[in-house]
Amino acid sequence: LRSERHVSIVSKVKGLNKEIVNDVHPNSYPNAPDAIG
């Protein structure tokens, strides 16, 4: 998600002002997602 490859692709989306990736703590909740973008 944080790789230069993926970030460079996302950054080309027209009109995008800001991107945040929230890394979910793996043991925070059963079946929790891995991240919130």
PDB file of all heavy atoms in Angstrom:
ATOM      1  N   LEU A   1       0.820  -1.215   0.000  1.00  0.00           N
ATOM      2  CA  LEU A   1       0.000   0.000   0.000  1.00  0.00           C
ATOM      3  C   LEU A   1       0.852   1.261   0.000  1.00  0.00           C
ATOM      4  O   LEU A   1       0.496   2.264  -0.613  1.00  0.00           O
ATOM      5  CB  LEU A   1      -0.896   0.034   1.241  1.00  0.00           C
ATOM      6  CG  LEU A   1      -2.252  -0.613   1.161  1.00  0.00           C
ATOM      7  CD1 LEU A   1      -2.906  -0.623   2.529  1.00  0.00           C
ATOM      8  CD2 LEU A   1      -3.144   0.075   0.148  1.00  0.00           C
ATOM      9  N   ARG A   2       1.964   1.204   0.707  1.00  0.00           N
ATOM     10  CA  ARG A   2       2.843   2.377   0.851  1.00  0.00           C
ATOM     11  C   ARG A   2       3.990   2.374  -0.141  1.00  0.00           C
ATOM     12  O   ARG A   2       4.833   3.279  -0.100  1.00  0.00           O
ATOM     13  CB  ARG A   2       3.379   2.429   2.280  1.00  0.00           C
ATOM     14  CG  ARG A   2       2.278   2.677   3.282  1.00  0.00           C
ATOM     15  CD  ARG A   2       2.807   2.816   4.663  1.00  0.00           C
ATOM     16  NE  ARG A   2       1.704   3.099   5.573  1.00  0.00           N
ATOM     17  CZ  ARG A   2       1.814   3.065   6.872  1.00  0.00           C
ATOM     18  NH1 ARG A   2       2.966   2.770   7.440  1.00  0.00           N
ATOM     19  NH2 ARG A   2       0.771   3.339   7.632  1.00  0.00           N
ATOM     20  N   SER A   3       4.016   1.394  -1.026  1.00  0.00           N
ATOM     21  CA  SER A   3       5.123   1.286  -1.979  1.00  0.00           C
ATOM     22  C   SER A   3       5.120   2.465  -2.951  1.00  0.00           C
ATOM     23  O   SER A   3       4.072   3.048  -3.255  1.00  0.00           O
ATOM     24  CB  SER A   3       5.040  -0.024  -2.756  1.00  0.00           C
ATOM     25  OG  SER A   3       3.954   0.002  -3.682  1.00  0.00           O
ATOM     26  N   GLU A   4       6.285   2.788  -3.435  1.00  0.00           N
ATOM     27  CA  GLU A   4       6.417   3.870  -4.404  1.00  0.00           C
ATOM     28  C   GLU A   4       5.563   3.579  -5.640  1.00  0.00           C
ATOM     29  O   GLU A   4       4.939   4.478  -6.194  1.00  0.00           O
ATOM     30  CB  GLU A   4       7.883   4.044  -4.798  1.00  0.00           C
ATOM     31  CG  GLU A   4       8.118   5.199  -5.735  1.00  0.00           C
ATOM     32  CD  GLU A   4       9.588   5.398  -6.069  1.00  0.00           C
ATOM     33  OE1 GLU A   4      10.450   5.093  -5.232  1.00  0.00           O
ATOM     34  OE2 GLU A   4       9.861   5.857  -7.189  1.00  0.00           O
ATOM     35  N   ARG A   5       5.517   2.321  -6.049  1.00  0.00           N
ATOM     36  CA  ARG A   5       4.733   1.935  -7.224  1.00  0.00           C
ATOM     37  C   ARG A   5       3.261   2.285  -7.029  1.00  0.00           C
ATOM     38  O   ARG A   5       2.669   2.990  -7.847  1.00  0.00           O
ATOM     39  CB  ARG A   5       4.886   0.434  -7.487  1.00  0.00           C
ATOM     40  CG  ARG A   5       4.123  -0.058  -8.714  1.00  0.00           C
ATOM     41  CD  ARG A   5       3.937  -1.572  -8.757  1.00  0.00           C
ATOM     42  NE  ARG A   5       2.932  -1.977  -7.768  1.00  0.00           N
ATOM     43  CZ  ARG A   5       3.188  -2.616  -6.621  1.00  0.00           C
ATOM     44  NH1 ARG A   5       4.403  -2.957  -6.305  1.00  0.00           N
ATOM     45  NH2 ARG A   5       2.200  -2.921  -5.787  1.00  0.00           N
ATOM     46  N   HIS A   6       2.654   1.792  -5.940  1.00  0.00           N
ATOM     47  CA  HIS A   6       1.224   2.016  -5.728  1.00  0.00           C
ATOM     48  C   HIS A   6       0.916   3.494  -5.469  1.00  0.00           C
ATOM     49  O   HIS A   6      -0.043   4.040  -6.030  1.00  0.00           O
ATOM     50  CB  HIS A   6       0.696   1.145  -4.587  1.00  0.00           C
ATOM     51  CG  HIS A   6      -0.791   1.182  -4.474  1.00  0.00           C
ATOM     52  ND1 HIS A   6      -1.629   0.642  -5.431  1.00  0.00           N
ATOM     53  CD2 HIS A   6      -1.601   1.720  -3.533  1.00  0.00           C
ATOM     54  CE1 HIS A   6      -2.885   0.839  -5.080  1.00  0.00           C
ATOM     55  NE2 HIS A   6      -2.902   1.495  -3.932  1.00  0.00           N
ATOM     56  N   VAL A   7       1.717   4.135  -4.648  1.00  0.00           N
ATOM     57  CA  VAL A   7       1.499   5.554  -4.339  1.00  0.00           C
ATOM     58  C   VAL A   7       1.590   6.403  -5.606  1.00  0.00           C
ATOM     59  O   VAL A   7       0.787   7.318  -5.813  1.00  0.00           O
ATOM     60  CB  VAL A   7       2.484   6.039  -3.251  1.00  0.00           C
ATOM     61  CG1 VAL A   7       2.423   7.553  -3.089  1.00  0.00           C
ATOM     62  CG2 VAL A   7       2.193   5.342  -1.929  1.00  0.00           C
ATOM     63  N   SER A   8       2.537   6.076  -6.489  1.00  0.00           N
ATOM     64  CA  SER A   8       2.671   6.870  -7.717  1.00  0.00           C
ATOM     65  C   SER A   8       1.466   6.692  -8.630  1.00  0.00           C
ATOM     66  O   SER A   8       1.060   7.628  -9.320  1.00  0.00           O
ATOM     67  CB  SER A   8       3.962   6.510  -8.454  1.00  0.00           C
ATOM     68  OG  SER A   8       3.894   5.210  -9.013  1.00  0.00           O
ATOM     69  N   ILE A   9       0.856   5.508  -8.615  1.00  0.00           N
ATOM     70  CA  ILE A   9      -0.350   5.275  -9.419  1.00  0.00           C
ATOM     71  C   ILE A   9      -1.524   6.063  -8.838  1.00  0.00           C
ATOM     72  O   ILE A   9      -2.235   6.763  -9.559  1.00  0.00           O
ATOM     73  CB  ILE A   9      -0.673   3.772  -9.494  1.00  0.00           C
ATOM     74  CG1 ILE A   9       0.427   3.037 -10.275  1.00  0.00           C
ATOM     75  CG2 ILE A   9      -2.042   3.529 -10.130  1.00  0.00           C
ATOM     76  CD1 ILE A   9       0.353   1.521 -10.186  1.00  0.00           C
ATOM     77  N   VAL A  10      -1.720   5.967  -7.531  1.00  0.00           N
ATOM     78  CA  VAL A  10      -2.829   6.677  -6.873  1.00  0.00           C
ATOM     79  C   VAL A  10      -2.672   8.185  -7.028  1.00  0.00           C
ATOM     80  O   VAL A  10      -3.654   8.903  -7.252  1.00  0.00           O
ATOM     81  CB  VAL A  10      -2.936   6.272  -5.387  1.00  0.00           C
ATOM     82  CG1 VAL A  10      -3.967   7.132  -4.655  1.00  0.00           C
ATOM     83  CG2 VAL A  10      -3.282   4.799  -5.248  1.00  0.00           C
ATOM     84  N   SER A  11      -1.456   8.681  -6.940  1.00  0.00           N
ATOM     85  CA  SER A  11      -1.232  10.133  -7.002  1.00  0.00           C
ATOM     86  C   SER A  11      -1.603  10.732  -8.357  1.00  0.00           C
ATOM     87  O   SER A  11      -1.761  11.944  -8.469  1.00  0.00           O
ATOM     88  CB  SER A  11       0.216  10.464  -6.652  1.00  0.00           C
ATOM     89  OG  SER A  11       1.088  10.008  -7.667  1.00  0.00           O
ATOM     90  N   LYS A  12      -1.786   9.901  -9.370  1.00  0.00           N
ATOM     91  CA  LYS A  12      -2.179  10.389 -10.700  1.00  0.00           C
ATOM     92  C   LYS A  12      -3.687  10.602 -10.825  1.00  0.00           C
ATOM     93  O   LYS A  12      -4.158  11.127 -11.835  1.00  0.00           O
ATOM     94  CB  LYS A  12      -1.708   9.406 -11.772  1.00  0.00           C
ATOM     95  CG  LYS A  12      -0.201   9.362 -11.904  1.00  0.00           C
ATOM     96  CD  LYS A  12       0.228   8.342 -12.926  1.00  0.00           C
ATOM     97  CE  LYS A  12       1.755   8.286 -12.955  1.00  0.00           C
ATOM     98  NZ  LYS A  12       2.237   7.169 -13.748  1.00  0.00           N
ATOM     99  N   VAL A  13      -4.453  10.219  -9.811  1.00  0.00           N
ATOM    100  CA  VAL A  13      -5.910  10.404  -9.859  1.00  0.00           C
ATOM    101  C   VAL A  13      -6.207  11.901  -9.844  1.00  0.00           C
ATOM    102  O   VAL A  13      -5.829  12.612  -8.909  1.00  0.00           O
ATOM    103  CB  VAL A  13      -6.601   9.681  -8.676  1.00  0.00           C
ATOM    104  CG1 VAL A  13      -8.083  10.021  -8.631  1.00  0.00           C
ATOM    105  CG2 VAL A  13      -6.389   8.174  -8.772  1.00  0.00           C
ATOM    106  N   LYS A  14      -6.850  12.373 -10.893  1.00  0.00           N
ATOM    107  CA  LYS A  14      -7.149  13.804 -11.026  1.00  0.00           C
ATOM    108  C   LYS A  14      -8.107  14.260  -9.931  1.00  0.00           C
ATOM    109  O   LYS A  14      -9.083  13.593  -9.628  1.00  0.00           O
ATOM    110  CB  LYS A  14      -7.731  14.079 -12.400  1.00  0.00           C
ATOM    111  CG  LYS A  14      -6.725  13.902 -13.520  1.00  0.00           C
ATOM    112  CD  LYS A  14      -7.374  14.114 -14.865  1.00  0.00           C
ATOM    113  CE  LYS A  14      -6.399  13.955 -16.009  1.00  0.00           C
ATOM    114  NZ  LYS A  14      -5.939  12.609 -16.223  1.00  0.00           N
ATOM    115  N   GLY A  15      -7.794  15.408  -9.338  1.00  0.00           N
ATOM    116  CA  GLY A  15      -8.646  15.986  -8.310  1.00  0.00           C
ATOM    117  C   GLY A  15      -8.336  15.525  -6.899  1.00  0.00           C
ATOM    118  O   GLY A  15      -8.918  16.027  -5.951  1.00  0.00           O
ATOM    119  N   LEU A  16      -7.413  14.581  -6.765  1.00  0.00           N
ATOM    120  CA  LEU A  16      -7.058  14.070  -5.439  1.00  0.00           C
ATOM    121  C   LEU A  16      -6.240  15.111  -4.688  1.00  0.00           C
ATOM    122  O   LEU A  16      -5.217  15.572  -5.172  1.00  0.00           O
ATOM    123  CB  LEU A  16      -6.259  12.766  -5.568  1.00  0.00           C
ATOM    124  CG  LEU A  16      -5.790  12.114  -4.278  1.00  0.00           C
ATOM    125  CD1 LEU A  16      -6.981  11.679  -3.424  1.00  0.00           C
ATOM    126  CD2 LEU A  16      -4.904  10.908  -4.598  1.00  0.00           C
ATOM    127  N   ASN A  17      -6.720  15.492  -3.499  1.00  0.00           N
ATOM    128  CA  ASN A  17      -6.024  16.487  -2.672  1.00  0.00           C
ATOM    129  C   ASN A  17      -5.152  15.865  -1.600  1.00  0.00           C
ATOM    130  O   ASN A  17      -4.136  16.435  -1.215  1.00  0.00           O
ATOM    131  CB  ASN A  17      -7.028  17.408  -1.970  1.00  0.00           C
ATOM    132  CG  ASN A  17      -7.697  18.337  -2.931  1.00  0.00           C
ATOM    133  OD1 ASN A  17      -7.132  18.739  -3.932  1.00  0.00           O
ATOM    134  ND2 ASN A  17      -8.942  18.671  -2.645  1.00  0.00           N
ATOM    135  N   LYS A  18      -5.577  14.706  -1.103  1.00  0.00           N
ATOM    136  CA  LYS A  18      -4.888  14.127   0.046  1.00  0.00           C
ATOM    137  C   LYS A  18      -5.175  12.637   0.088  1.00  0.00           C
ATOM    138  O   LYS A  18      -6.291  12.206  -0.219  1.00  0.00           O
ATOM    139  CB  LYS A  18      -5.408  14.794   1.322  1.00  0.00           C
ATOM    140  CG  LYS A  18      -4.771  14.387   2.610  1.00  0.00           C
ATOM    141  CD  LYS A  18      -5.386  15.229   3.744  1.00  0.00           C
ATOM    142  CE  LYS A  18      -4.824  14.901   5.089  1.00  0.00           C
ATOM    143  NZ  LYS A  18      -5.399  15.731   6.139  1.00  0.00           N
ATOM    144  N   GLU A  19      -4.160  11.861   0.461  1.00  0.00           N
ATOM    145  CA  GLU A  19      -4.333  10.422   0.675  1.00  0.00           C
ATOM    146  C   GLU A  19      -3.741  10.061   2.027  1.00  0.00           C
ATOM    147  O   GLU A  19      -2.631  10.472   2.349  1.00  0.00           O
ATOM    148  CB  GLU A  19      -3.635   9.603  -0.410  1.00  0.00           C
ATOM    149  CG  GLU A  19      -3.746   8.118  -0.151  1.00  0.00           C
ATOM    150  CD  GLU A  19      -2.841   7.256  -1.008  1.00  0.00           C
ATOM    151  OE1 GLU A  19      -1.888   7.791  -1.613  1.00  0.00           O
ATOM    152  OE2 GLU A  19      -3.079   6.045  -1.058  1.00  0.00           O
ATOM    153  N   ILE A  20      -4.490   9.316   2.811  1.00  0.00           N
ATOM    154  CA  ILE A  20      -4.008   8.835   4.105  1.00  0.00           C
ATOM    155  C   ILE A  20      -4.217   7.330   4.143  1.00  0.00           C
ATOM    156  O   ILE A  20      -5.275   6.838   3.744  1.00  0.00           O
ATOM    157  CB  ILE A  20      -4.772   9.493   5.275  1.00  0.00           C
ATOM    158  CG1 ILE A  20      -4.517  10.993   5.309  1.00  0.00           C
ATOM    159  CG2 ILE A  20      -4.401   8.846   6.609  1.00  0.00           C
ATOM    160  CD1 ILE A  20      -5.325  11.734   6.356  1.00  0.00           C
ATOM    161  N   VAL A  21      -3.194   6.609   4.614  1.00  0.00           N
ATOM    162  CA  VAL A  21      -3.334   5.178   4.870  1.00  0.00           C
ATOM    163  C   VAL A  21      -3.178   4.973   6.365  1.00  0.00           C
ATOM    164  O   VAL A  21      -2.161   5.331   6.951  1.00  0.00           O
ATOM    165  CB  VAL A  21      -2.279   4.355   4.096  1.00  0.00           C
ATOM    166  CG1 VAL A  21      -2.365   2.891   4.486  1.00  0.00           C
ATOM    167  CG2 VAL A  21      -2.462   4.527   2.593  1.00  0.00           C
ATOM    168  N   ASN A  22      -4.212   4.437   6.979  1.00  0.00           N
ATOM    169  CA  ASN A  22      -4.202   4.122   8.411  1.00  0.00           C
ATOM    170  C   ASN A  22      -3.938   2.629   8.556  1.00  0.00           C
ATOM    171  O   ASN A  22      -4.744   1.808   8.120  1.00  0.00           O
ATOM    172  CB  ASN A  22      -5.565   4.451   9.037  1.00  0.00           C
ATOM    173  CG  ASN A  22      -5.911   5.912   8.879  1.00  0.00           C
ATOM    174  OD1 ASN A  22      -5.445   6.746   9.622  1.00  0.00           O
ATOM    175  ND2 ASN A  22      -6.743   6.224   7.891  1.00  0.00           N
ATOM    176  N   ASP A  23      -2.826   2.280   9.146  1.00  0.00           N
ATOM    177  CA  ASP A  23      -2.446   0.884   9.380  1.00  0.00           C
ATOM    178  C   ASP A  23      -3.196   0.397  10.613  1.00  0.00           C
ATOM    179  O   ASP A  23      -3.011   0.912  11.707  1.00  0.00           O
ATOM    180  CB  ASP A  23      -0.929   0.825   9.597  1.00  0.00           C
ATOM    181  CG  ASP A  23      -0.400  -0.564   9.854  1.00  0.00           C
ATOM    182  OD1 ASP A  23      -1.189  -1.525   9.886  1.00  0.00           O
ATOM    183  OD2 ASP A  23       0.828  -0.697  10.033  1.00  0.00           O
ATOM    184  N   VAL A  24      -4.081  -0.587  10.429  1.00  0.00           N
ATOM    185  CA  VAL A  24      -4.850  -1.126  11.546  1.00  0.00           C
ATOM    186  C   VAL A  24      -3.956  -2.096  12.319  1.00  0.00           C
ATOM    187  O   VAL A  24      -3.315  -2.954  11.720  1.00  0.00           O
ATOM    188  CB  VAL A  24      -6.125  -1.842  11.044  1.00  0.00           C
ATOM    189  CG1 VAL A  24      -6.859  -2.524  12.195  1.00  0.00           C
ATOM    190  CG2 VAL A  24      -7.039  -0.853  10.332  1.00  0.00           C
ATOM    191  N   HIS A  25      -3.920  -1.961  13.626  1.00  0.00           N
ATOM    192  CA  HIS A  25      -3.124  -2.868  14.457  1.00  0.00           C
ATOM    193  C   HIS A  25      -3.686  -4.277  14.281  1.00  0.00           C
ATOM    194  O   HIS A  25      -4.895  -4.491  14.485  1.00  0.00           O
ATOM    195  CB  HIS A  25      -3.165  -2.440  15.913  1.00  0.00           C
ATOM    196  CG  HIS A  25      -2.477  -1.141  16.149  1.00  0.00           C
ATOM    197  ND1 HIS A  25      -1.587  -0.942  17.162  1.00  0.00           N
ATOM    198  CD2 HIS A  25      -2.526   0.046  15.486  1.00  0.00           C
ATOM    199  CE1 HIS A  25      -1.131   0.293  17.129  1.00  0.00           C
ATOM    200  NE2 HIS A  25      -1.695   0.911  16.118  1.00  0.00           N
ATOM    201  N   PRO A  26      -2.837  -5.234  13.917  1.00  0.00           N
ATOM    202  CA  PRO A  26      -3.311  -6.576  13.560  1.00  0.00           C
ATOM    203  C   PRO A  26      -4.149  -7.275  14.627  1.00  0.00           C
ATOM    204  O   PRO A  26      -5.044  -8.035  14.292  1.00  0.00           O
ATOM    205  CB  PRO A  26      -2.027  -7.360  13.304  1.00  0.00           C
ATOM    206  CG  PRO A  26      -0.979  -6.352  13.056  1.00  0.00           C
ATOM    207  CD  PRO A  26      -1.390  -5.112  13.786  1.00  0.00           C
ATOM    208  N   ASN A  27      -3.901  -7.024  15.880  1.00  0.00           N
ATOM    209  CA  ASN A  27      -4.645  -7.708  16.942  1.00  0.00           C
ATOM    210  C   ASN A  27      -5.691  -6.812  17.596  1.00  0.00           C
ATOM    211  O   ASN A  27      -6.132  -7.085  18.706  1.00  0.00           O
ATOM    212  CB  ASN A  27      -3.671  -8.236  17.999  1.00  0.00           C
ATOM    213  CG  ASN A  27      -2.713  -9.237  17.409  1.00  0.00           C
ATOM    214  OD1 ASN A  27      -3.104 -10.075  16.602  1.00  0.00           O
ATOM    215  ND2 ASN A  27      -1.447  -9.155  17.776  1.00  0.00           N
ATOM    216  N   SER A  28      -6.112  -5.755  16.904  1.00  0.00           N
ATOM    217  CA  SER A  28      -7.034  -4.804  17.518  1.00  0.00           C
ATOM    218  C   SER A  28      -8.458  -5.344  17.640  1.00  0.00           C
ATOM    219  O   SER A  28      -9.177  -4.962  18.554  1.00  0.00           O
ATOM    220  CB  SER A  28      -7.042  -3.495  16.745  1.00  0.00           C
ATOM    221  OG  SER A  28      -7.524  -3.678  15.431  1.00  0.00           O
ATOM    222  N   TYR A  29      -8.854  -6.228  16.733  1.00  0.00           N
ATOM    223  CA  TYR A  29     -10.217  -6.737  16.750  1.00  0.00           C
ATOM    224  C   TYR A  29     -10.273  -7.951  15.825  1.00  0.00           C
ATOM    225  O   TYR A  29      -9.686  -7.913  14.734  1.00  0.00           O
ATOM    226  CB  TYR A  29     -11.177  -5.650  16.255  1.00  0.00           C
ATOM    227  CG  TYR A  29     -12.633  -5.971  16.454  1.00  0.00           C
ATOM    228  CD1 TYR A  29     -13.228  -5.801  17.695  1.00  0.00           C
ATOM    229  CD2 TYR A  29     -13.409  -6.460  15.415  1.00  0.00           C
ATOM    230  CE1 TYR A  29     -14.565  -6.090  17.893  1.00  0.00           C
ATOM    231  CE2 TYR A  29     -14.752  -6.754  15.599  1.00  0.00           C
ATOM    232  CZ  TYR A  29     -15.323  -6.572  16.845  1.00  0.00           C
ATOM    233  OH  TYR A  29     -16.646  -6.865  17.039  1.00  0.00           O
ATOM    234  N   PRO A  30     -10.974  -9.006  16.200  1.00  0.00           N
ATOM    235  CA  PRO A  30     -11.082 -10.159  15.294  1.00  0.00           C
ATOM    236  C   PRO A  30     -11.682  -9.737  13.949  1.00  0.00           C
ATOM    237  O   PRO A  30     -12.625  -8.955  13.903  1.00  0.00           O
ATOM    238  CB  PRO A  30     -12.032 -11.112  16.029  1.00  0.00           C
ATOM    239  CG  PRO A  30     -11.978 -10.693  17.461  1.00  0.00           C
ATOM    240  CD  PRO A  30     -11.700  -9.220  17.456  1.00  0.00           C
ATOM    241  N   ASN A  31     -11.111 -10.228  12.898  1.00  0.00           N
ATOM    242  CA  ASN A  31     -11.569  -9.935  11.524  1.00  0.00           C
ATOM    243  C   ASN A  31     -11.440  -8.466  11.142  1.00  0.00           C
ATOM    244  O   ASN A  31     -12.116  -8.002  10.225  1.00  0.00           O
ATOM    245  CB  ASN A  31     -13.008 -10.409  11.316  1.00  0.00           C
ATOM    246  CG  ASN A  31     -13.173 -11.881  11.580  1.00  0.00           C
ATOM    247  OD1 ASN A  31     -12.321 -12.680  11.181  1.00  0.00           O
ATOM    248  ND2 ASN A  31     -14.226 -12.250  12.273  1.00  0.00           N
ATOM    249  N   ALA A  32     -10.604  -7.728  11.845  1.00  0.00           N
ATOM    250  CA  ALA A  32     -10.385  -6.317  11.504  1.00  0.00           C
ATOM    251  C   ALA A  32      -9.709  -6.213  10.139  1.00  0.00           C
ATOM    252  O   ALA A  32      -8.960  -7.105   9.736  1.00  0.00           O
ATOM    253  CB  ALA A  32      -9.509  -5.650  12.562  1.00  0.00           C
ATOM    254  N   PRO A  33      -9.951  -5.114   9.425  1.00  0.00           N
ATOM    255  CA  PRO A  33      -9.243  -4.914   8.155  1.00  0.00           C
ATOM    256  C   PRO A  33      -7.766  -4.669   8.427  1.00  0.00           C
ATOM    257  O   PRO A  33      -7.354  -4.437   9.565  1.00  0.00           O
ATOM    258  CB  PRO A  33      -9.917  -3.669   7.573  1.00  0.00           C
ATOM    259  CG  PRO A  33     -10.439  -2.938   8.753  1.00  0.00           C
ATOM    260  CD  PRO A  33     -10.818  -3.984   9.755  1.00  0.00           C
ATOM    261  N   ASP A  34      -6.981  -4.719   7.375  1.00  0.00           N
ATOM    262  CA  ASP A  34      -5.544  -4.458   7.501  1.00  0.00           C
ATOM    263  C   ASP A  34      -5.231  -2.970   7.481  1.00  0.00           C
ATOM    264  O   ASP A  34      -4.242  -2.531   8.069  1.00  0.00           O
ATOM    265  CB  ASP A  34      -4.790  -5.175   6.381  1.00  0.00           C
ATOM    266  CG  ASP A  34      -4.837  -6.674   6.586  1.00  0.00           C
ATOM    267  OD1 ASP A  34      -4.001  -7.185   7.340  1.00  0.00           O
ATOM    268  OD2 ASP A  34      -5.745  -7.327   6.028  1.00  0.00           O
ATOM    269  N   ALA A  35      -6.077  -2.210   6.811  1.00  0.00           N
ATOM    270  CA  ALA A  35      -5.842  -0.767   6.720  1.00  0.00           C
ATOM    271  C   ALA A  35      -7.154  -0.060   6.389  1.00  0.00           C
ATOM    272  O   ALA A  35      -8.112  -0.677   5.928  1.00  0.00           O
ATOM    273  CB  ALA A  35      -4.802  -0.466   5.643  1.00  0.00           C
ATOM    274  N   ILE A  36      -7.147   1.236   6.636  1.00  0.00           N
ATOM    275  CA  ILE A  36      -8.229   2.128   6.241  1.00  0.00           C
ATOM    276  C   ILE A  36      -7.572   3.216   5.385  1.00  0.00           C
ATOM    277  O   ILE A  36      -6.663   3.904   5.848  1.00  0.00           O
ATOM    278  CB  ILE A  36      -8.917   2.795   7.458  1.00  0.00           C
ATOM    279  CG1 ILE A  36      -9.313   1.777   8.516  1.00  0.00           C
ATOM    280  CG2 ILE A  36     -10.065   3.680   6.997  1.00  0.00           C
ATOM    281  CD1 ILE A  36     -10.533   0.979   8.252  1.00  0.00           C
ATOM    282  N   GLY A  37      -8.011   3.330   4.153  1.00  0.00           N
ATOM    283  CA  GLY A  37      -7.469   4.349   3.264  1.00  0.00           C
ATOM    284  C   GLY A  37      -8.449   5.497   3.119  1.00  0.00           C
ATOM    285  O   GLY A  37      -9.669   5.281   3.123  1.00  0.00           O
TER     286      GLY A  37
END
